[in-house]
Amino acid sequence: LCDSLAPTAPPFPPISAPPGLPPRHMDLVVHIVDALESPSQGGSPSTVLALVRALGVCSTPGCRAVLGEPPDIPQAPPELSPEQWQLLTELLRHNPAAPERGAVLAPDGSTVALGPVLAGIEVGLRRGSEGSWDPLPTLQPPVDPLYAVTIAEALGTSFLLARGGDGDQTTLGPGGCWDDVEDPQNYTLMSPPTPIPDAVANGAMDGMVLGAHLAREPTPLSELLRGYYGTGNGSETGRHPSSYRRRNFRVLVGPGRLEEEVMAMLEVLRDLPPTRELLEDVGVDEVAAVAHRASRAFTERYVECPDIMPRCMWGARPYWGTPSLLTLPLGSVYIHHTLEPSTPCRNFHACARAMRHMQRFHQDTRGWDDIGYSFVVGSDGYLYQGRGWHWVGAHTKGYNTKGFGVGYVGDFSATLPDPDTLALVRDELLPCAVRSGRILWNYTLHGHRQLGHTDCPGNALFQEIQTWPGFQ
């Protein structure tokens, strides 16, 4: 939400897979894990995690202090084809200059860096299978290993290096887009890269959630990943569990915990090479300030704000002509339902198809320059960028320059969207837009029918939004 660009911003060079590699898709990663973990082949979760650490998934000082030094890189396992081995090596080799290189496309449409996911999984397995693994070390000051290997070290060091500047802008984000969601090979960021792009943040949250699950209930890795990401388990028709990552991370972390863990991790790094040099002139009060700023920025961006699928991810056509720009902040928000499609979309592919269908109808039949809505709300846990924050929409005749048009996919004349889908706008999008200066703090909320001759947004949804803050 907070990394929207001016419409003329250029894309950045793609993170390209070497020629001949399989697609960078989570389904393939799960298939590789399944092959390596198979007991019939002599594999186990420890086999998988030893391999991925040998390939470089845990190469930072703090991660090594928690999980130990990695084993030597083995030869290619016989269970994997040369192409699969090359892909795994490419995805897990640590590159601090481009941490998103280790990212894959998940079935829910999100992009996930594998490094923090797998590091969090190892911590969870070691906690949940006492006696089968070496015990996790006790560091001073005490830190939670699960936080340390997923987000605390990366967040603390990145904001420490960025102190004195605009930390949340130079340290967090951006998102990006794949060249082909069916055969993802190249991933292009939407603005200059930072130490923690969206893919790394997604991986950190997933690593926390999955690691905490494994600490409570040890589960085969392929089964865990298949269930969480919804790969090949029959959940392609519904919402994937991974789309709840922000909500589940928020519940797991709770208020104040992330800041405490970032601060503790920075104090641990004070005694480790090479981070000792980075912290030698930094006092305790400054460490506390960095931890506060880092945790606050991460929480605002990735926990309190919803995830918005950019146009390039749902396959948008170009805007016809030159868009007119809005002057922010705006004072109003207008709620719609799409009516057609009449059925809520519950997974990324269905919602992307709905977006393309609406854009074709608005351009080809109605003759508009683009899809009319500013944003569209799927029942898959995501918002979809229409004209976005900067372009004047075609959603509420006579009022398009005064507010944003937000449309729920479906016909909500008699029924309501799921509670989570309602909350996506009411509790996340609108407060986040106020904080980021896109809408005024005293904005007004209207149903489309209040401003035109229409039944939109449907009787049930219109009755619901009358209980929302800002409704007039």
Protein backbone atom coordinates (compact mmCIF):
# COMPACT_ATOMS: atom_id res chain seq x y z
CA LEU A 1 0.00 0.00 0.00
CA CYS A 2 2.72 2.43 0.96
CA ASP A 3 4.95 2.02 -2.09
CA SER A 4 2.64 3.42 -4.80
CA LEU A 5 4.54 5.09 -7.60
CA ALA A 6 3.84 7.94 -9.93
CA PRO A 7 2.36 6.48 -13.15
CA THR A 8 5.48 7.31 -15.13
CA ALA A 9 7.94 5.51 -12.83
CA PRO A 10 10.10 3.07 -14.82
CA PRO A 11 10.37 -0.61 -13.92
CA PHE A 12 13.72 -1.81 -12.66
CA PRO A 13 15.82 -4.53 -14.30
CA PRO A 14 14.28 -7.96 -13.76
CA ILE A 15 15.73 -10.63 -11.50
CA SER A 16 16.17 -13.19 -14.26
CA ALA A 17 16.45 -16.92 -13.90
CA PRO A 18 19.35 -18.46 -15.85
CA PRO A 19 18.25 -20.07 -19.13
CA GLY A 20 16.85 -23.56 -18.84
CA LEU A 21 15.63 -23.32 -15.22
CA PRO A 22 12.15 -24.54 -14.27
CA PRO A 23 9.60 -21.87 -13.27
CA ARG A 24 10.17 -20.14 -9.94
CA HIS A 25 6.92 -21.36 -8.39
CA MET A 26 6.19 -22.56 -4.87
CA ASP A 27 4.62 -25.75 -6.26
CA LEU A 28 8.01 -26.81 -7.60
CA VAL A 29 9.73 -26.02 -4.30
CA VAL A 30 7.23 -28.23 -2.46
CA HIS A 31 7.87 -31.00 -5.01
CA ILE A 32 11.64 -30.73 -4.40
CA VAL A 33 11.17 -30.80 -0.61
CA ASP A 34 8.89 -33.84 -0.99
CA ALA A 35 11.58 -35.70 -2.95
CA LEU A 36 14.35 -34.84 -0.48
CA GLU A 37 12.23 -35.64 2.58
CA SER A 38 10.89 -38.99 1.39
CA PRO A 39 11.72 -41.72 3.97
CA SER A 40 11.79 -44.29 1.17
CA GLN A 41 14.77 -42.41 -0.28
CA GLY A 42 16.45 -42.11 3.12
CA GLY A 43 15.43 -38.47 3.50
CA SER A 44 13.95 -36.50 6.42
CA PRO A 45 13.25 -32.88 7.40
CA SER A 46 16.80 -32.68 8.79
CA THR A 47 18.15 -33.76 5.39
CA VAL A 48 16.27 -30.93 3.70
CA LEU A 49 17.33 -28.26 6.17
CA ALA A 50 20.98 -29.31 6.25
CA LEU A 51 20.99 -29.04 2.47
CA VAL A 52 19.37 -25.62 2.30
CA ARG A 53 21.71 -24.24 4.96
CA ALA A 54 24.70 -25.60 3.09
CA LEU A 55 23.49 -23.68 0.05
CA GLY A 56 23.58 -20.38 1.97
CA VAL A 57 20.13 -19.79 3.41
CA CYS A 58 21.64 -18.79 6.79
CA SER A 59 24.77 -16.76 6.10
CA THR A 60 24.38 -13.68 8.31
CA PRO A 61 26.20 -13.39 11.67
CA GLY A 62 23.05 -13.55 13.80
CA CYS A 63 21.56 -16.47 11.92
CA ARG A 64 24.79 -18.45 12.26
CA ALA A 65 24.93 -17.67 15.97
CA VAL A 66 21.46 -19.18 16.34
CA LEU A 67 21.57 -22.14 13.94
CA GLY A 68 25.30 -22.83 13.87
CA GLU A 69 27.81 -22.93 11.04
CA PRO A 70 26.48 -24.46 7.82
CA PRO A 71 27.74 -27.86 6.62
CA ASP A 72 29.84 -28.19 3.50
CA ILE A 73 27.97 -27.96 0.22
CA PRO A 74 27.13 -31.52 -0.85
CA GLN A 75 26.94 -32.93 -4.32
CA ALA A 76 23.63 -32.75 -6.13
CA PRO A 77 21.19 -35.22 -4.51
CA PRO A 78 20.25 -38.09 -6.84
CA GLU A 79 16.55 -37.44 -6.17
CA LEU A 80 16.74 -34.12 -8.05
CA SER A 81 17.21 -33.48 -11.73
CA PRO A 82 20.11 -31.20 -12.72
CA GLU A 83 17.57 -28.45 -13.47
CA GLN A 84 15.95 -28.76 -10.05
CA TRP A 85 19.33 -28.70 -8.32
CA GLN A 86 20.35 -25.62 -10.28
CA LEU A 87 17.08 -23.90 -9.36
CA LEU A 88 17.48 -24.75 -5.67
CA THR A 89 21.05 -23.45 -5.71
CA GLU A 90 19.96 -20.24 -7.42
CA LEU A 91 17.11 -19.64 -4.97
CA LEU A 92 19.03 -20.29 -1.76
CA ARG A 93 22.40 -18.68 -2.46
CA HIS A 94 22.50 -15.61 -0.21
CA ASN A 95 22.92 -12.29 -2.00
CA PRO A 96 22.65 -9.27 0.34
CA ALA A 97 22.58 -6.92 -2.65
CA ALA A 98 19.47 -8.65 -4.03
CA PRO A 99 17.65 -10.61 -1.32
CA GLU A 100 14.60 -10.99 -3.56
CA ARG A 101 16.59 -13.28 -5.89
CA GLY A 102 15.59 -16.18 -3.67
CA ALA A 103 11.89 -15.48 -4.19
CA VAL A 104 9.18 -17.66 -5.71
CA LEU A 105 5.57 -17.06 -6.70
CA ALA A 106 3.06 -18.66 -4.32
CA PRO A 107 -0.39 -19.87 -5.48
CA ASP A 108 -2.10 -17.05 -3.56
CA GLY A 109 -0.37 -14.54 -5.85
CA SER A 110 2.17 -13.37 -3.27
CA THR A 111 5.92 -13.46 -3.80
CA VAL A 112 7.91 -15.13 -1.02
CA ALA A 113 11.65 -15.23 -0.29
CA LEU A 114 12.55 -18.78 0.76
CA GLY A 115 15.46 -17.93 3.07
CA PRO A 116 13.54 -16.65 6.11
CA VAL A 117 10.80 -19.26 5.59
CA LEU A 118 13.25 -22.15 5.80
CA ALA A 119 15.24 -20.61 8.66
CA GLY A 120 12.05 -20.19 10.68
CA ILE A 121 11.05 -23.76 9.88
CA GLU A 122 14.37 -25.07 11.22
CA VAL A 123 13.92 -23.20 14.51
CA GLY A 124 10.38 -24.57 14.82
CA LEU A 125 11.45 -28.14 14.13
CA ARG A 126 14.31 -27.96 16.62
CA ARG A 127 11.96 -26.64 19.28
CA GLY A 128 9.25 -29.19 18.55
CA SER A 129 11.51 -32.27 18.27
CA GLU A 130 13.67 -32.13 21.38
CA GLY A 131 16.30 -34.85 21.44
CA SER A 132 16.41 -35.19 17.67
CA TRP A 133 18.37 -31.97 17.13
CA ASP A 134 21.14 -30.08 18.85
CA PRO A 135 19.62 -27.61 21.33
CA LEU A 136 19.31 -24.01 20.23
CA PRO A 137 21.92 -21.80 21.95
CA THR A 138 21.06 -19.28 24.65
CA LEU A 139 22.38 -15.92 23.52
CA GLN A 140 22.97 -12.86 25.68
CA PRO A 141 20.93 -10.80 25.98
CA PRO A 142 18.20 -13.44 25.57
CA VAL A 143 16.63 -13.43 22.10
CA ASP A 144 13.93 -15.60 20.61
CA PRO A 145 15.66 -17.63 17.87
CA LEU A 146 12.49 -17.62 15.74
CA TYR A 147 12.46 -13.82 15.57
CA ALA A 148 16.21 -13.67 15.12
CA VAL A 149 16.45 -15.81 11.97
CA THR A 150 13.32 -14.49 10.26
CA ILE A 151 13.05 -10.74 10.79
CA ALA A 152 14.81 -9.27 13.87
CA GLU A 153 18.38 -9.30 12.52
CA ALA A 154 17.45 -8.11 9.03
CA LEU A 155 15.18 -5.37 10.33
CA GLY A 156 17.57 -4.14 13.01
CA THR A 157 20.69 -4.00 10.86
CA SER A 158 18.89 -2.45 7.90
CA PHE A 159 17.43 0.39 9.97
CA LEU A 160 20.71 0.84 11.80
CA LEU A 161 22.47 1.44 8.49
CA ALA A 162 19.66 3.76 7.35
CA ARG A 163 19.47 5.86 10.55
CA GLY A 164 19.47 9.56 9.93
CA GLY A 165 17.56 9.09 6.66
CA ASP A 166 14.02 8.17 5.72
CA GLY A 167 14.36 4.63 7.04
CA ASP A 168 11.02 3.13 6.05
CA GLN A 169 11.44 4.36 2.48
CA THR A 170 15.02 3.15 2.04
CA THR A 171 14.76 -0.07 4.03
CA LEU A 172 11.34 -1.61 3.31
CA GLY A 173 9.83 -2.61 -0.02
CA PRO A 174 9.14 -2.48 -2.86
CA GLY A 175 6.93 -5.11 -4.40
CA GLY A 176 7.31 -6.39 -7.91
CA CYS A 177 5.73 -8.40 -10.70
CA TRP A 178 6.44 -11.66 -12.52
CA ASP A 179 6.64 -11.91 -16.27
CA ASP A 180 4.13 -14.79 -16.37
CA VAL A 181 2.17 -16.07 -13.37
CA GLU A 182 1.77 -19.50 -15.00
CA ASP A 183 5.48 -19.85 -15.82
CA PRO A 184 7.27 -17.35 -13.56
CA GLN A 185 10.89 -16.78 -14.54
CA ASN A 186 11.66 -13.07 -14.21
CA TYR A 187 10.71 -10.86 -11.27
CA THR A 188 10.84 -7.08 -11.75
CA LEU A 189 10.79 -4.67 -8.81
CA MET A 190 8.57 -1.61 -9.07
CA SER A 191 11.10 0.81 -7.55
CA PRO A 192 14.73 0.73 -6.33
CA PRO A 193 15.57 -2.34 -4.24
CA THR A 194 16.02 -2.12 -0.46
CA PRO A 195 17.44 -4.59 2.11
CA ILE A 196 13.90 -5.83 2.92
CA PRO A 197 11.74 -5.92 -0.22
CA ASP A 198 8.15 -7.18 0.07
CA ALA A 199 9.17 -10.74 -0.84
CA VAL A 200 11.57 -10.87 2.13
CA ALA A 201 8.93 -9.43 4.46
CA ASN A 202 6.46 -12.08 3.27
CA GLY A 203 9.06 -14.79 3.82
CA ALA A 204 9.82 -13.49 7.33
CA MET A 205 6.15 -13.51 8.32
CA ASP A 206 5.66 -16.99 6.85
CA GLY A 207 8.79 -18.24 8.61
CA MET A 208 7.45 -16.97 11.94
CA VAL A 209 3.99 -18.49 11.41
CA LEU A 210 5.26 -21.87 10.18
CA GLY A 211 8.05 -22.07 12.75
CA ALA A 212 5.58 -21.40 15.58
CA HIS A 213 3.29 -24.11 14.18
CA LEU A 214 6.09 -26.67 14.04
CA ALA A 215 7.17 -25.89 17.59
CA ARG A 216 3.67 -26.89 18.72
CA GLU A 217 3.03 -29.72 16.27
CA PRO A 218 5.89 -31.30 14.27
CA THR A 219 4.70 -31.99 10.71
CA PRO A 220 6.41 -33.32 7.55
CA LEU A 221 7.76 -30.30 5.68
CA SER A 222 6.13 -31.04 2.34
CA GLU A 223 2.78 -31.55 4.07
CA LEU A 224 3.20 -28.30 5.98
CA LEU A 225 4.15 -26.27 2.90
CA ARG A 226 1.49 -27.88 0.72
CA GLY A 227 -1.22 -27.13 3.27
CA TYR A 228 -0.09 -23.57 3.98
CA TYR A 229 0.44 -22.43 0.41
CA GLY A 230 -2.35 -24.54 -1.07
CA THR A 231 -0.26 -26.37 -3.65
CA GLY A 232 -1.95 -29.40 -5.16
CA ASN A 233 -4.16 -30.11 -2.16
CA GLY A 234 -7.56 -29.27 -3.64
CA SER A 235 -7.65 -25.77 -2.14
CA GLU A 236 -7.20 -24.02 -5.48
CA THR A 237 -10.93 -23.17 -5.47
CA GLY A 238 -10.76 -21.38 -2.10
CA ARG A 239 -8.70 -18.95 -0.11
CA HIS A 240 -5.16 -20.12 0.65
CA PRO A 241 -4.00 -20.15 4.30
CA SER A 242 -0.92 -18.14 3.30
CA SER A 243 -3.13 -15.16 2.43
CA TYR A 244 -3.77 -14.78 6.18
CA ARG A 245 -0.04 -14.21 6.90
CA ARG A 246 -0.42 -10.58 8.00
CA ARG A 247 -3.28 -11.35 10.37
CA ASN A 248 -1.55 -14.43 11.82
CA PHE A 249 1.76 -12.60 12.19
CA ARG A 250 -0.03 -9.81 14.07
CA VAL A 251 -1.62 -12.31 16.47
CA LEU A 252 1.70 -14.12 16.96
CA VAL A 253 3.80 -11.03 17.60
CA GLY A 254 1.38 -8.97 19.66
CA PRO A 255 2.03 -5.37 20.72
CA GLY A 256 5.62 -4.45 21.51
CA ARG A 257 7.22 -7.88 21.05
CA LEU A 258 8.84 -7.17 17.68
CA GLU A 259 10.51 -4.02 19.04
CA GLU A 260 11.87 -5.95 22.05
CA GLU A 261 13.32 -8.68 19.84
CA VAL A 262 14.93 -6.25 17.37
CA MET A 263 16.58 -4.38 20.24
CA ALA A 264 17.84 -7.59 21.85
CA MET A 265 19.18 -8.86 18.53
CA LEU A 266 21.13 -5.65 17.94
CA GLU A 267 22.75 -6.07 21.36
CA VAL A 268 23.72 -9.66 20.45
CA LEU A 269 25.23 -8.41 17.19
CA ARG A 270 27.36 -5.95 19.18
CA ASP A 271 29.60 -8.89 20.12
CA LEU A 272 29.70 -10.69 16.75
CA PRO A 273 32.05 -10.01 13.83
CA PRO A 274 31.58 -8.20 11.48
CA THR A 275 28.58 -6.41 13.03
CA ARG A 276 30.70 -5.46 16.07
CA GLU A 277 32.19 -2.62 14.02
CA LEU A 278 28.76 -1.43 12.95
CA LEU A 279 27.66 -0.99 16.57
CA GLU A 280 30.84 0.12 18.34
CA ASP A 281 29.82 3.80 18.47
CA VAL A 282 26.09 3.21 18.92
CA GLY A 283 24.76 3.64 22.45
CA VAL A 284 21.96 1.71 24.10
CA ASP A 285 19.52 4.61 23.72
CA GLU A 286 20.22 4.84 20.00
CA VAL A 287 19.76 1.07 19.62
CA ALA A 288 16.39 1.42 21.37
CA ALA A 289 15.40 4.24 19.00
CA VAL A 290 16.39 2.18 15.94
CA ALA A 291 14.41 -0.82 17.22
CA HIS A 292 11.36 1.35 17.84
CA ARG A 293 11.50 2.96 14.43
CA ALA A 294 12.15 -0.33 12.62
CA SER A 295 9.36 -2.27 14.32
CA ARG A 296 6.90 0.61 13.92
CA ALA A 297 7.64 0.98 10.19
CA PHE A 298 7.41 -2.78 9.56
CA THR A 299 4.15 -3.05 11.48
CA GLU A 300 2.55 -0.10 9.72
CA ARG A 301 3.52 -1.34 6.29
CA TYR A 302 3.07 -5.10 6.53
CA VAL A 303 0.76 -5.75 9.47
CA GLU A 304 -1.68 -2.86 9.72
CA CYS A 305 -1.95 -2.22 5.96
CA PRO A 306 -3.46 -4.66 3.46
CA ASP A 307 -1.58 -6.22 0.58
CA ILE A 308 -2.50 -4.74 -2.81
CA MET A 309 -1.91 -6.70 -6.01
CA PRO A 310 -0.42 -4.32 -8.60
CA ARG A 311 -1.85 -4.04 -12.10
CA CYS A 312 0.96 -6.02 -13.67
CA MET A 313 0.17 -9.03 -11.47
CA TRP A 314 -3.45 -9.33 -12.59
CA GLY A 315 -2.62 -8.76 -16.24
CA ALA A 316 -3.99 -5.25 -16.78
CA ARG A 317 -4.13 -3.75 -20.25
CA PRO A 318 -2.49 -0.33 -20.64
CA TYR A 319 -4.48 2.79 -19.82
CA TRP A 320 -5.97 4.32 -22.98
CA GLY A 321 -4.53 7.78 -23.45
CA THR A 322 -3.00 9.85 -20.65
CA PRO A 323 -4.47 9.54 -17.13
CA SER A 324 -5.50 12.61 -15.15
CA LEU A 325 -3.77 12.83 -11.81
CA LEU A 326 -5.53 13.20 -8.47
CA THR A 327 -4.54 15.83 -5.92
CA LEU A 328 -4.05 14.08 -2.60
CA PRO A 329 -5.30 13.78 0.05
CA LEU A 330 -8.90 13.19 -0.97
CA GLY A 331 -11.87 13.63 1.32
CA SER A 332 -14.19 10.78 0.32
CA VAL A 333 -14.44 7.05 -0.29
CA TYR A 334 -17.25 5.45 -2.31
CA ILE A 335 -18.18 1.80 -1.77
CA HIS A 336 -19.42 -0.32 -4.70
CA HIS A 337 -20.13 -3.92 -5.55
CA THR A 338 -19.26 -5.21 -9.00
CA LEU A 339 -22.58 -7.06 -9.62
CA GLU A 340 -20.77 -8.77 -12.49
CA PRO A 341 -18.95 -10.97 -11.69
CA SER A 342 -21.73 -11.77 -9.23
CA THR A 343 -19.82 -14.46 -7.35
CA PRO A 344 -17.03 -13.48 -4.94
CA CYS A 345 -13.56 -14.56 -6.08
CA ARG A 346 -11.73 -16.64 -3.47
CA ASN A 347 -8.29 -17.20 -4.99
CA PHE A 348 -5.75 -15.18 -6.90
CA HIS A 349 -6.41 -16.65 -10.33
CA ALA A 350 -10.18 -16.14 -10.06
CA CYS A 351 -9.75 -12.55 -8.85
CA ALA A 352 -7.22 -11.76 -11.59
CA ARG A 353 -9.67 -13.10 -14.18
CA ALA A 354 -12.43 -10.95 -12.67
CA MET A 355 -10.21 -7.87 -12.92
CA ARG A 356 -9.42 -8.55 -16.58
CA HIS A 357 -13.12 -9.17 -17.32
CA MET A 358 -14.11 -5.86 -15.69
CA GLN A 359 -11.39 -3.92 -17.46
CA ARG A 360 -12.44 -5.31 -20.87
CA PHE A 361 -16.07 -4.41 -20.15
CA HIS A 362 -15.23 -0.90 -19.00
CA GLN A 363 -12.92 -0.22 -21.94
CA ASP A 364 -14.56 -2.11 -24.81
CA THR A 365 -18.25 -1.73 -23.93
CA ARG A 366 -18.43 1.46 -21.92
CA GLY A 367 -15.59 3.19 -23.76
CA TRP A 368 -13.73 4.24 -20.65
CA ASP A 369 -9.97 4.67 -20.58
CA ASP A 370 -9.45 1.92 -18.02
CA ILE A 371 -11.16 -0.13 -15.33
CA GLY A 372 -13.23 2.39 -13.39
CA TYR A 373 -12.51 1.51 -9.77
CA SER A 374 -9.57 2.80 -7.77
CA PHE A 375 -9.33 -0.54 -5.96
CA VAL A 376 -11.19 -3.83 -6.07
CA VAL A 377 -11.64 -6.16 -3.10
CA GLY A 378 -11.36 -9.91 -3.59
CA SER A 379 -12.51 -12.53 -1.11
CA ASP A 380 -9.04 -14.06 -1.33
CA GLY A 381 -7.48 -11.74 1.25
CA TYR A 382 -6.14 -9.15 -1.20
CA LEU A 383 -7.03 -5.82 -2.73
CA TYR A 384 -6.39 -5.31 -6.43
CA GLN A 385 -5.11 -2.06 -7.88
CA GLY A 386 -7.41 -0.53 -10.46
CA ARG A 387 -6.57 3.09 -11.17
CA GLY A 388 -4.83 3.24 -7.81
CA TRP A 389 -3.99 6.21 -5.63
CA HIS A 390 -2.92 8.62 -8.35
CA TRP A 391 -5.26 8.35 -11.34
CA VAL A 392 -8.75 9.83 -11.54
CA GLY A 393 -11.23 6.96 -11.70
CA ALA A 394 -14.59 6.37 -13.41
CA HIS A 395 -16.52 4.93 -10.49
CA THR A 396 -18.88 7.61 -9.14
CA LYS A 397 -20.07 10.07 -11.81
CA GLY A 398 -19.56 13.66 -10.76
CA TYR A 399 -17.33 12.71 -7.83
CA ASN A 400 -14.36 10.94 -9.38
CA THR A 401 -11.88 13.70 -8.51
CA LYS A 402 -13.15 13.95 -4.93
CA GLY A 403 -12.70 10.39 -3.68
CA PHE A 404 -11.58 6.82 -4.26
CA GLY A 405 -13.93 4.15 -5.56
CA VAL A 406 -13.59 0.76 -3.85
CA GLY A 407 -15.53 -2.14 -5.38
CA TYR A 408 -16.22 -5.54 -3.78
CA VAL A 409 -16.25 -8.43 -6.27
CA GLY A 410 -19.72 -9.97 -6.15
CA ASP A 411 -23.42 -9.20 -5.88
CA PHE A 412 -24.18 -8.12 -2.33
CA SER A 413 -27.84 -7.30 -2.65
CA ALA A 414 -28.90 -10.09 -0.27
CA THR A 415 -25.66 -11.38 1.28
CA LEU A 416 -22.49 -9.85 2.69
CA PRO A 417 -18.84 -10.46 1.91
CA ASP A 418 -16.97 -12.58 4.45
CA PRO A 419 -16.15 -10.74 7.72
CA ASP A 420 -12.43 -10.81 6.86
CA THR A 421 -13.17 -9.26 3.47
CA LEU A 422 -15.22 -6.47 5.02
CA ALA A 423 -12.43 -5.82 7.54
CA LEU A 424 -9.88 -5.56 4.74
CA VAL A 425 -11.32 -2.16 3.81
CA ARG A 426 -12.88 -0.98 7.07
CA ASP A 427 -10.03 -1.88 9.45
CA GLU A 428 -6.97 -1.89 7.18
CA LEU A 429 -7.25 0.06 3.92
CA LEU A 430 -9.00 3.16 5.27
CA PRO A 431 -6.90 3.68 8.44
CA CYS A 432 -3.74 2.99 6.44
CA ALA A 433 -4.73 5.50 3.77
CA VAL A 434 -5.26 8.13 6.47
CA ARG A 435 -1.81 7.47 7.99
CA SER A 436 -0.09 7.64 4.61
CA GLY A 437 -1.79 10.91 3.64
CA ARG A 438 -3.98 9.58 0.82
CA ILE A 439 -7.28 10.46 2.47
CA LEU A 440 -8.11 13.06 5.09
CA TRP A 441 -8.54 12.01 8.73
CA ASN A 442 -12.14 13.28 8.63
CA TYR A 443 -13.03 11.58 5.32
CA THR A 444 -16.62 10.77 4.45
CA LEU A 445 -17.78 7.33 3.36
CA HIS A 446 -20.71 6.84 0.97
CA GLY A 447 -22.43 4.03 -0.84
CA HIS A 448 -22.60 4.52 -4.60
CA ARG A 449 -26.43 4.75 -4.49
CA GLN A 450 -26.27 7.93 -2.44
CA LEU A 451 -24.65 9.78 -5.35
CA GLY A 452 -26.35 8.27 -8.40
CA HIS A 453 -29.36 6.35 -9.70
CA THR A 454 -28.24 2.82 -8.83
CA ASP A 455 -28.80 -0.01 -6.36
CA CYS A 456 -25.03 -0.31 -5.87
CA PRO A 457 -23.48 -1.45 -3.54
CA GLY A 458 -26.46 -3.75 -2.91
CA ASN A 459 -28.90 -3.60 0.01
CA ALA A 460 -26.94 -5.88 2.32
CA LEU A 461 -23.59 -4.18 1.80
CA PHE A 462 -25.12 -0.70 1.97
CA GLN A 463 -26.71 -1.51 5.32
CA GLU A 464 -23.37 -2.83 6.57
CA ILE A 465 -21.28 0.23 5.65
CA GLN A 466 -23.66 2.49 7.56
CA THR A 467 -21.96 1.16 10.69
CA TRP A 468 -18.45 2.08 9.45
CA PRO A 469 -16.45 5.11 10.60
CA GLY A 470 -16.95 8.13 8.33
CA PHE A 471 -20.30 7.05 6.86
CA GLN A 472 -22.59 9.95 5.96
